[in-house]
C-alpha atoms as a PDB file:
ATOM      1  CA  UNK A   1     -10.956 -12.795  24.882  1.00  0.00           C
ATOM      2  CA  UNK A   2      -8.246 -10.206  24.094  1.00  0.00           C
ATOM      3  CA  UNK A   3      -5.548 -12.775  23.530  1.00  0.00           C
ATOM      4  CA  UNK A   4      -7.802 -14.798  21.201  1.00  0.00           C
ATOM      5  CA  UNK A   5      -8.704 -11.671  19.268  1.00  0.00           C
ATOM      6  CA  UNK A   6      -4.997 -10.848  18.854  1.00  0.00           C
ATOM      7  CA  UNK A   7      -4.094 -14.370  17.774  1.00  0.00           C
ATOM      8  CA  UNK A   8      -6.962 -14.532  15.255  1.00  0.00           C
ATOM      9  CA  UNK A   9      -6.126 -11.071  13.907  1.00  0.00           C
ATOM     10  CA  UNK A  10      -2.497 -12.023  13.375  1.00  0.00           C
ATOM     11  CA  UNK A  11      -3.473 -15.148  11.505  1.00  0.00           C
ATOM     12  CA  UNK A  12      -5.936 -13.245   9.296  1.00  0.00           C
ATOM     13  CA  UNK A  13      -3.406 -10.493   8.713  1.00  0.00           C
ATOM     14  CA  UNK A  14      -1.517 -12.843   6.457  1.00  0.00           C
ATOM     15  CA  UNK A  15      -4.191 -12.522   3.773  1.00  0.00           C
ATOM     16  CA  UNK A  16      -4.231  -8.735   4.249  1.00  0.00           C
ATOM     17  CA  UNK A  17      -0.460  -8.709   3.774  1.00  0.00           C
ATOM     18  CA  UNK A  18      -0.621 -10.830   0.639  1.00  0.00           C
ATOM     19  CA  UNK A  19      -3.329  -8.634  -0.919  1.00  0.00           C
ATOM     20  CA  UNK A  20      -1.622  -5.394   0.062  1.00  0.00           C
ATOM     21  CA  UNK A  21       1.686  -6.510  -1.339  1.00  0.00           C
ATOM     22  CA  UNK A  22       0.183  -7.669  -4.634  1.00  0.00           C
ATOM     23  CA  UNK A  23      -1.445  -4.277  -5.158  1.00  0.00           C
ATOM     24  CA  UNK A  24       1.167  -1.870  -3.758  1.00  0.00           C
ATOM     25  CA  UNK A  25       4.481  -3.695  -3.628  1.00  0.00           C
ATOM     26  CA  UNK A  26       5.083  -5.720  -6.772  1.00  0.00           C
ATOM     27  CA  UNK A  27       8.782  -5.687  -5.862  1.00  0.00           C
ATOM     28  CA  UNK A  28       8.285  -6.140  -2.096  1.00  0.00           C
ATOM     29  CA  UNK A  29      11.204  -8.528  -1.935  1.00  0.00           C
ATOM     30  CA  UNK A  30      13.560  -5.657  -2.594  1.00  0.00           C
ATOM     31  CA  UNK A  31      12.815  -3.668   0.558  1.00  0.00           C
ATOM     32  CA  UNK A  32       9.716  -4.841   2.439  1.00  0.00           C
ATOM     33  CA  UNK A  33       6.684  -2.807   3.384  1.00  0.00           C
ATOM     34  CA  UNK A  34       6.892   0.727   4.712  1.00  0.00           C
ATOM     35  CA  UNK A  35       6.483   0.817   8.448  1.00  0.00           C
ATOM     36  CA  UNK A  36       3.419   3.078   8.270  1.00  0.00           C
ATOM     37  CA  UNK A  37       1.712   0.712   5.825  1.00  0.00           C
ATOM     38  CA  UNK A  38       2.555  -2.331   7.949  1.00  0.00           C
ATOM     39  CA  UNK A  39       1.381  -0.737  11.156  1.00  0.00           C
ATOM     40  CA  UNK A  40      -1.816   0.768   9.773  1.00  0.00           C
ATOM     41  CA  UNK A  41      -2.802  -2.422   8.019  1.00  0.00           C
ATOM     42  CA  UNK A  42      -2.443  -4.502  11.164  1.00  0.00           C
ATOM     43  CA  UNK A  43      -4.212  -1.843  13.260  1.00  0.00           C
ATOM     44  CA  UNK A  44      -7.152  -1.984  10.835  1.00  0.00           C
ATOM     45  CA  UNK A  45      -7.169  -5.753  11.133  1.00  0.00           C
ATOM     46  CA  UNK A  46      -7.571  -5.426  14.945  1.00  0.00           C
ATOM     47  CA  UNK A  47     -10.379  -2.928  14.416  1.00  0.00           C
ATOM     48  CA  UNK A  48     -12.078  -5.409  12.091  1.00  0.00           C
ATOM     49  CA  UNK A  49     -11.750  -8.102  14.749  1.00  0.00           C
ATOM     50  CA  UNK A  50     -13.459  -5.855  17.303  1.00  0.00           C
ATOM     51  CA  UNK A  51     -16.207  -4.939  14.859  1.00  0.00           C
ATOM     52  CA  UNK A  52     -16.943  -8.636  14.304  1.00  0.00           C
ATOM     53  CA  UNK A  53     -17.622  -8.811  18.021  1.00  0.00           C
ATOM     54  CA  UNK A  54     -19.812  -5.677  17.890  1.00  0.00           C
ATOM     55  CA  UNK A  55     -17.264  -3.745  19.959  1.00  0.00           C
ATOM     56  CA  UNK A  56     -16.416  -0.188  19.015  1.00  0.00           C
ATOM     57  CA  UNK A  57     -12.682   0.444  18.662  1.00  0.00           C
ATOM     58  CA  UNK A  58     -10.418   3.111  17.248  1.00  0.00           C
ATOM     59  CA  UNK A  59      -6.750   3.436  16.421  1.00  0.00           C
ATOM     60  CA  UNK A  60      -4.318   6.303  16.185  1.00  0.00           C
ATOM     61  CA  UNK A  61      -0.616   6.829  15.598  1.00  0.00           C
ATOM     62  CA  UNK A  62       1.340   8.065  18.576  1.00  0.00           C
ATOM     63  CA  UNK A  63       3.293  11.110  17.526  1.00  0.00           C
ATOM     64  CA  UNK A  64       6.979  11.591  18.314  1.00  0.00           C
ATOM     65  CA  UNK A  65       9.299  13.520  16.028  1.00  0.00           C
ATOM     66  CA  UNK A  66      12.380  11.574  17.180  1.00  0.00           C
ATOM     67  CA  UNK A  67      10.752   8.209  16.581  1.00  0.00           C
ATOM     68  CA  UNK A  68      11.752   6.704  13.254  1.00  0.00           C
ATOM     69  CA  UNK A  69       9.230   3.834  13.272  1.00  0.00           C
ATOM     70  CA  UNK A  70       5.515   4.344  13.925  1.00  0.00           C
ATOM     71  CA  UNK A  71       3.749   3.245  17.111  1.00  0.00           C
ATOM     72  CA  UNK A  72      -0.021   2.855  17.069  1.00  0.00           C
ATOM     73  CA  UNK A  73      -2.531   2.554  19.897  1.00  0.00           C
ATOM     74  CA  UNK A  74      -5.794   0.664  19.458  1.00  0.00           C
ATOM     75  CA  UNK A  75      -8.504   1.488  21.991  1.00  0.00           C
ATOM     76  CA  UNK A  76     -11.680  -0.344  22.858  1.00  0.00           C
ATOM     77  CA  UNK A  77     -13.904   0.152  25.942  1.00  0.00           C
ATOM     78  CA  UNK A  78     -11.930  -2.470  27.940  1.00  0.00           C
ATOM     79  CA  UNK A  79      -8.631  -2.879  26.124  1.00  0.00           C
ATOM     80  CA  UNK A  80      -5.588  -0.993  24.825  1.00  0.00           C
ATOM     81  CA  UNK A  81      -3.235  -2.532  22.273  1.00  0.00           C
ATOM     82  CA  UNK A  82       0.091  -0.857  21.608  1.00  0.00           C
ATOM     83  CA  UNK A  83       1.522  -1.698  18.193  1.00  0.00           C
ATOM     84  CA  UNK A  84       5.158  -1.180  17.223  1.00  0.00           C
ATOM     85  CA  UNK A  85       5.736  -1.555  13.482  1.00  0.00           C
ATOM     86  CA  UNK A  86       9.288  -1.945  12.165  1.00  0.00           C
ATOM     87  CA  UNK A  87      10.915  -2.749   8.846  1.00  0.00           C
ATOM     88  CA  UNK A  88      14.061  -4.783   9.140  1.00  0.00           C
ATOM     89  CA  UNK A  89      15.697  -3.585   5.954  1.00  0.00           C
ATOM     90  CA  UNK A  90      18.886  -4.994   7.309  1.00  0.00           C
ATOM     91  CA  UNK A  91      19.355  -7.633  10.011  1.00  0.00           C
ATOM     92  CA  UNK A  92      22.446  -5.950  11.441  1.00  0.00           C
ATOM     93  CA  UNK A  93      22.902  -5.145  15.078  1.00  0.00           C
ATOM     94  CA  UNK A  94      21.911  -1.479  14.655  1.00  0.00           C
ATOM     95  CA  UNK A  95      18.519  -2.365  13.160  1.00  0.00           C
ATOM     96  CA  UNK A  96      17.850  -4.944  15.853  1.00  0.00           C
ATOM     97  CA  UNK A  97      18.732  -2.445  18.590  1.00  0.00           C
ATOM     98  CA  UNK A  98      16.464   0.148  16.942  1.00  0.00           C
ATOM     99  CA  UNK A  99      13.490  -2.202  17.225  1.00  0.00           C
ATOM    100  CA  UNK A 100      14.166  -2.712  20.932  1.00  0.00           C
ATOM    101  CA  UNK A 101      14.567   1.065  21.376  1.00  0.00           C
ATOM    102  CA  UNK A 102      11.214   1.772  19.685  1.00  0.00           C
ATOM    103  CA  UNK A 103       9.591  -0.863  21.898  1.00  0.00           C
ATOM    104  CA  UNK A 104      11.017   0.803  24.981  1.00  0.00           C
ATOM    105  CA  UNK A 105       9.632   4.170  23.803  1.00  0.00           C
ATOM    106  CA  UNK A 106       6.170   2.634  23.537  1.00  0.00           C
ATOM    107  CA  UNK A 107       6.391   1.282  27.033  1.00  0.00           C
ATOM    108  CA  UNK A 108       7.480   4.668  28.377  1.00  0.00           C
ATOM    109  CA  UNK A 109       4.357   6.280  26.803  1.00  0.00           C
ATOM    110  CA  UNK A 110       1.651   3.930  28.026  1.00  0.00           C
ATOM    111  CA  UNK A 111      -1.607   5.459  29.189  1.00  0.00           C
ATOM    112  CA  UNK A 112      -1.001   4.713  32.832  1.00  0.00           C
ATOM    113  CA  UNK A 113      -4.187   6.557  33.845  1.00  0.00           C
ATOM    114  CA  UNK A 114      -6.271   3.887  32.201  1.00  0.00           C
ATOM    115  CA  UNK A 115      -7.212   0.662  33.927  1.00  0.00           C
ATOM    116  CA  UNK A 116      -7.818  -1.095  30.627  1.00  0.00           C
ATOM    117  CA  UNK A 117      -6.275  -4.468  29.948  1.00  0.00           C
ATOM    118  CA  UNK A 118      -3.156  -3.808  27.865  1.00  0.00           C
ATOM    119  CA  UNK A 119      -1.094  -5.702  25.315  1.00  0.00           C
ATOM    120  CA  UNK A 120       2.019  -4.858  23.319  1.00  0.00           C
ATOM    121  CA  UNK A 121       2.296  -6.165  19.728  1.00  0.00           C
ATOM    122  CA  UNK A 122       5.550  -5.905  17.809  1.00  0.00           C
ATOM    123  CA  UNK A 123       5.462  -6.589  14.049  1.00  0.00           C
ATOM    124  CA  UNK A 124       8.330  -6.454  11.602  1.00  0.00           C
ATOM    125  CA  UNK A 125       9.029  -7.821   8.149  1.00  0.00           C
ATOM    126  CA  UNK A 126      12.264  -8.932   6.591  1.00  0.00           C
ATOM    127  CA  UNK A 127      13.420 -10.269   3.245  1.00  0.00           C
ATOM    128  CA  UNK A 128      16.305 -12.690   3.685  1.00  0.00           C
ATOM    129  CA  UNK A 129      19.502 -11.708   1.898  1.00  0.00           C
ATOM    130  CA  UNK A 130      22.908 -13.421   1.616  1.00  0.00           C
ATOM    131  CA  UNK A 131      24.317 -12.097   4.841  1.00  0.00           C
ATOM    132  CA  UNK A 132      24.826 -14.303   7.901  1.00  0.00           C
ATOM    133  CA  UNK A 133      22.942 -11.800  10.034  1.00  0.00           C
ATOM    134  CA  UNK A 134      19.883 -12.031   7.767  1.00  0.00           C
ATOM    135  CA  UNK A 135      19.994 -15.855   7.808  1.00  0.00           C
ATOM    136  CA  UNK A 136      20.052 -15.798  11.612  1.00  0.00           C
ATOM    137  CA  UNK A 137      16.845 -13.731  11.947  1.00  0.00           C
ATOM    138  CA  UNK A 138      14.513 -16.726  12.579  1.00  0.00           C
ATOM    139  CA  UNK A 139      16.748 -18.056  15.374  1.00  0.00           C
ATOM    140  CA  UNK A 140      17.147 -14.535  16.793  1.00  0.00           C
ATOM    141  CA  UNK A 141      13.410 -13.978  16.796  1.00  0.00           C
ATOM    142  CA  UNK A 142      12.149 -17.363  18.033  1.00  0.00           C
ATOM    143  CA  UNK A 143      15.090 -18.269  20.325  1.00  0.00           C
ATOM    144  CA  UNK A 144      15.657 -21.433  18.283  1.00  0.00           C
ATOM    145  CA  UNK A 145      15.644 -22.628  14.698  1.00  0.00           C
ATOM    146  CA  UNK A 146      12.166 -22.999  13.112  1.00  0.00           C
ATOM    147  CA  UNK A 147      10.822 -26.516  12.837  1.00  0.00           C
ATOM    148  CA  UNK A 148      10.523 -26.225   9.036  1.00  0.00           C
ATOM    149  CA  UNK A 149      14.203 -25.428   8.615  1.00  0.00           C
ATOM    150  CA  UNK A 150      14.460 -27.816   5.683  1.00  0.00           C
ATOM    151  CA  UNK A 151      11.777 -25.806   3.813  1.00  0.00           C
ATOM    152  CA  UNK A 152      14.017 -22.726   4.026  1.00  0.00           C
ATOM    153  CA  UNK A 153      16.922 -24.778   2.703  1.00  0.00           C
ATOM    154  CA  UNK A 154      14.817 -26.041  -0.225  1.00  0.00           C
ATOM    155  CA  UNK A 155      14.483 -22.381  -1.307  1.00  0.00           C
ATOM    156  CA  UNK A 156      18.161 -21.659  -0.973  1.00  0.00           C
ATOM    157  CA  UNK A 157      18.119 -20.199   2.540  1.00  0.00           C
ATOM    158  CA  UNK A 158      20.663 -21.855   4.799  1.00  0.00           C
ATOM    159  CA  UNK A 159      19.660 -20.652   8.245  1.00  0.00           C
ATOM    160  CA  UNK A 160      22.282 -19.662  10.782  1.00  0.00           C
ATOM    161  CA  UNK A 161      22.276 -19.685  14.578  1.00  0.00           C
ATOM    162  CA  UNK A 162      22.011 -16.363  16.409  1.00  0.00           C
ATOM    163  CA  UNK A 163      24.422 -15.456  19.183  1.00  0.00           C
ATOM    164  CA  UNK A 164      21.596 -13.802  21.152  1.00  0.00           C
ATOM    165  CA  UNK A 165      17.814 -13.683  20.967  1.00  0.00           C
ATOM    166  CA  UNK A 166      15.147 -11.007  20.670  1.00  0.00           C
ATOM    167  CA  UNK A 167      13.342 -12.154  23.807  1.00  0.00           C
ATOM    168  CA  UNK A 168      16.579 -11.731  25.797  1.00  0.00           C
ATOM    169  CA  UNK A 169      17.021  -8.191  24.489  1.00  0.00           C
ATOM    170  CA  UNK A 170      13.407  -7.282  25.347  1.00  0.00           C
ATOM    171  CA  UNK A 171      13.768  -8.804  28.805  1.00  0.00           C
ATOM    172  CA  UNK A 172      16.939  -6.911  29.510  1.00  0.00           C
ATOM    173  CA  UNK A 173      15.983  -3.529  28.063  1.00  0.00           C
ATOM    174  CA  UNK A 174      12.195  -3.478  28.515  1.00  0.00           C
ATOM    175  CA  UNK A 175      11.696  -5.916  31.422  1.00  0.00           C
ATOM    176  CA  UNK A 176       9.154  -7.888  29.493  1.00  0.00           C
ATOM    177  CA  UNK A 177       8.958 -11.661  29.588  1.00  0.00           C
ATOM    178  CA  UNK A 178       6.826 -14.566  28.428  1.00  0.00           C
ATOM    179  CA  UNK A 179       5.979 -13.118  25.028  1.00  0.00           C
ATOM    180  CA  UNK A 180       4.455 -15.126  22.247  1.00  0.00           C
ATOM    181  CA  UNK A 181       6.807 -14.850  19.249  1.00  0.00           C
ATOM    182  CA  UNK A 182       5.862 -16.179  15.825  1.00  0.00           C
ATOM    183  CA  UNK A 183       7.030 -16.034  12.212  1.00  0.00           C
ATOM    184  CA  UNK A 184       4.537 -16.023   9.340  1.00  0.00           C
ATOM    185  CA  UNK A 185       5.190 -16.397   5.609  1.00  0.00           C
ATOM    186  CA  UNK A 186       2.224 -14.626   3.994  1.00  0.00           C
ATOM    187  CA  UNK A 187       3.604 -14.587   0.427  1.00  0.00           C
ATOM    188  CA  UNK A 188       3.397 -17.627  -1.815  1.00  0.00           C
ATOM    189  CA  UNK A 189       5.102 -18.743  -5.015  1.00  0.00           C
ATOM    190  CA  UNK A 190       2.782 -18.293  -7.963  1.00  0.00           C
ATOM    191  CA  UNK A 191       3.707 -21.544  -9.716  1.00  0.00           C
ATOM    192  CA  UNK A 192       2.821 -23.908  -6.823  1.00  0.00           C
ATOM    193  CA  UNK A 193       1.378 -21.899  -3.925  1.00  0.00           C
ATOM    194  CA  UNK A 194       4.152 -22.872  -1.552  1.00  0.00           C
ATOM    195  CA  UNK A 195       5.021 -20.252   1.095  1.00  0.00           C
ATOM    196  CA  UNK A 196       7.886 -17.991   0.151  1.00  0.00           C
ATOM    197  CA  UNK A 197      10.261 -18.516   3.074  1.00  0.00           C
ATOM    198  CA  UNK A 198      12.602 -15.702   2.103  1.00  0.00           C
ATOM    199  CA  UNK A 199       9.952 -13.229   3.182  1.00  0.00           C
ATOM    200  CA  UNK A 200       9.161 -13.167   6.889  1.00  0.00           C
ATOM    201  CA  UNK A 201       6.489 -11.465   8.971  1.00  0.00           C
ATOM    202  CA  UNK A 202       7.703 -11.425  12.589  1.00  0.00           C
ATOM    203  CA  UNK A 203       5.234 -10.900  15.404  1.00  0.00           C
ATOM    204  CA  UNK A 204       5.513 -10.761  19.157  1.00  0.00           C
ATOM    205  CA  UNK A 205       2.749 -10.312  21.750  1.00  0.00           C
ATOM    206  CA  UNK A 206       3.299  -9.321  25.369  1.00  0.00           C
ATOM    207  CA  UNK A 207       0.934  -8.740  28.265  1.00  0.00           C
ATOM    208  CA  UNK A 208       1.431  -5.411  30.025  1.00  0.00           C
END
């Protein structure tokens, strides 16, 4: 049930993202969403999913002064979801390592006293720029090139291969494996409704 709720919430979050960006980020392509907005919006989507099942759930941001990106915890009677929200302003090595570092922090602060079923969700957004690092983000995230590579090319994005992959970094630093990694494109071109491939919503889900 938990995995289905997460999968459904991530799919529905695309419409939340589109609406939120239209109202608050008319120039979202310049920087992407603030991490707090991204994390809170997805946390609320999970709460909505629980409410649809008549299950009480709450969320709260985990406080840490040294943590640059927010981490949220969603609690229900039987589940805990830890949510790491990150804005990939740049696709350089430092930003990628920072995402892994924040994920490791979340794992080090799990509620180990609870026997609840736990999941870790990582969400990040990125607007593709002209750099090779940026163009390699899909391959870095998925571990391979996306199947709709030609659609990226049709919008002027020539994807590049990545020399290493996010799942490898997480496995090495956080000892997590078998995650479900996906890329969404929640924004659409106004003139024809086609997904805007230059804007990416990256998600990863891991069992804990």
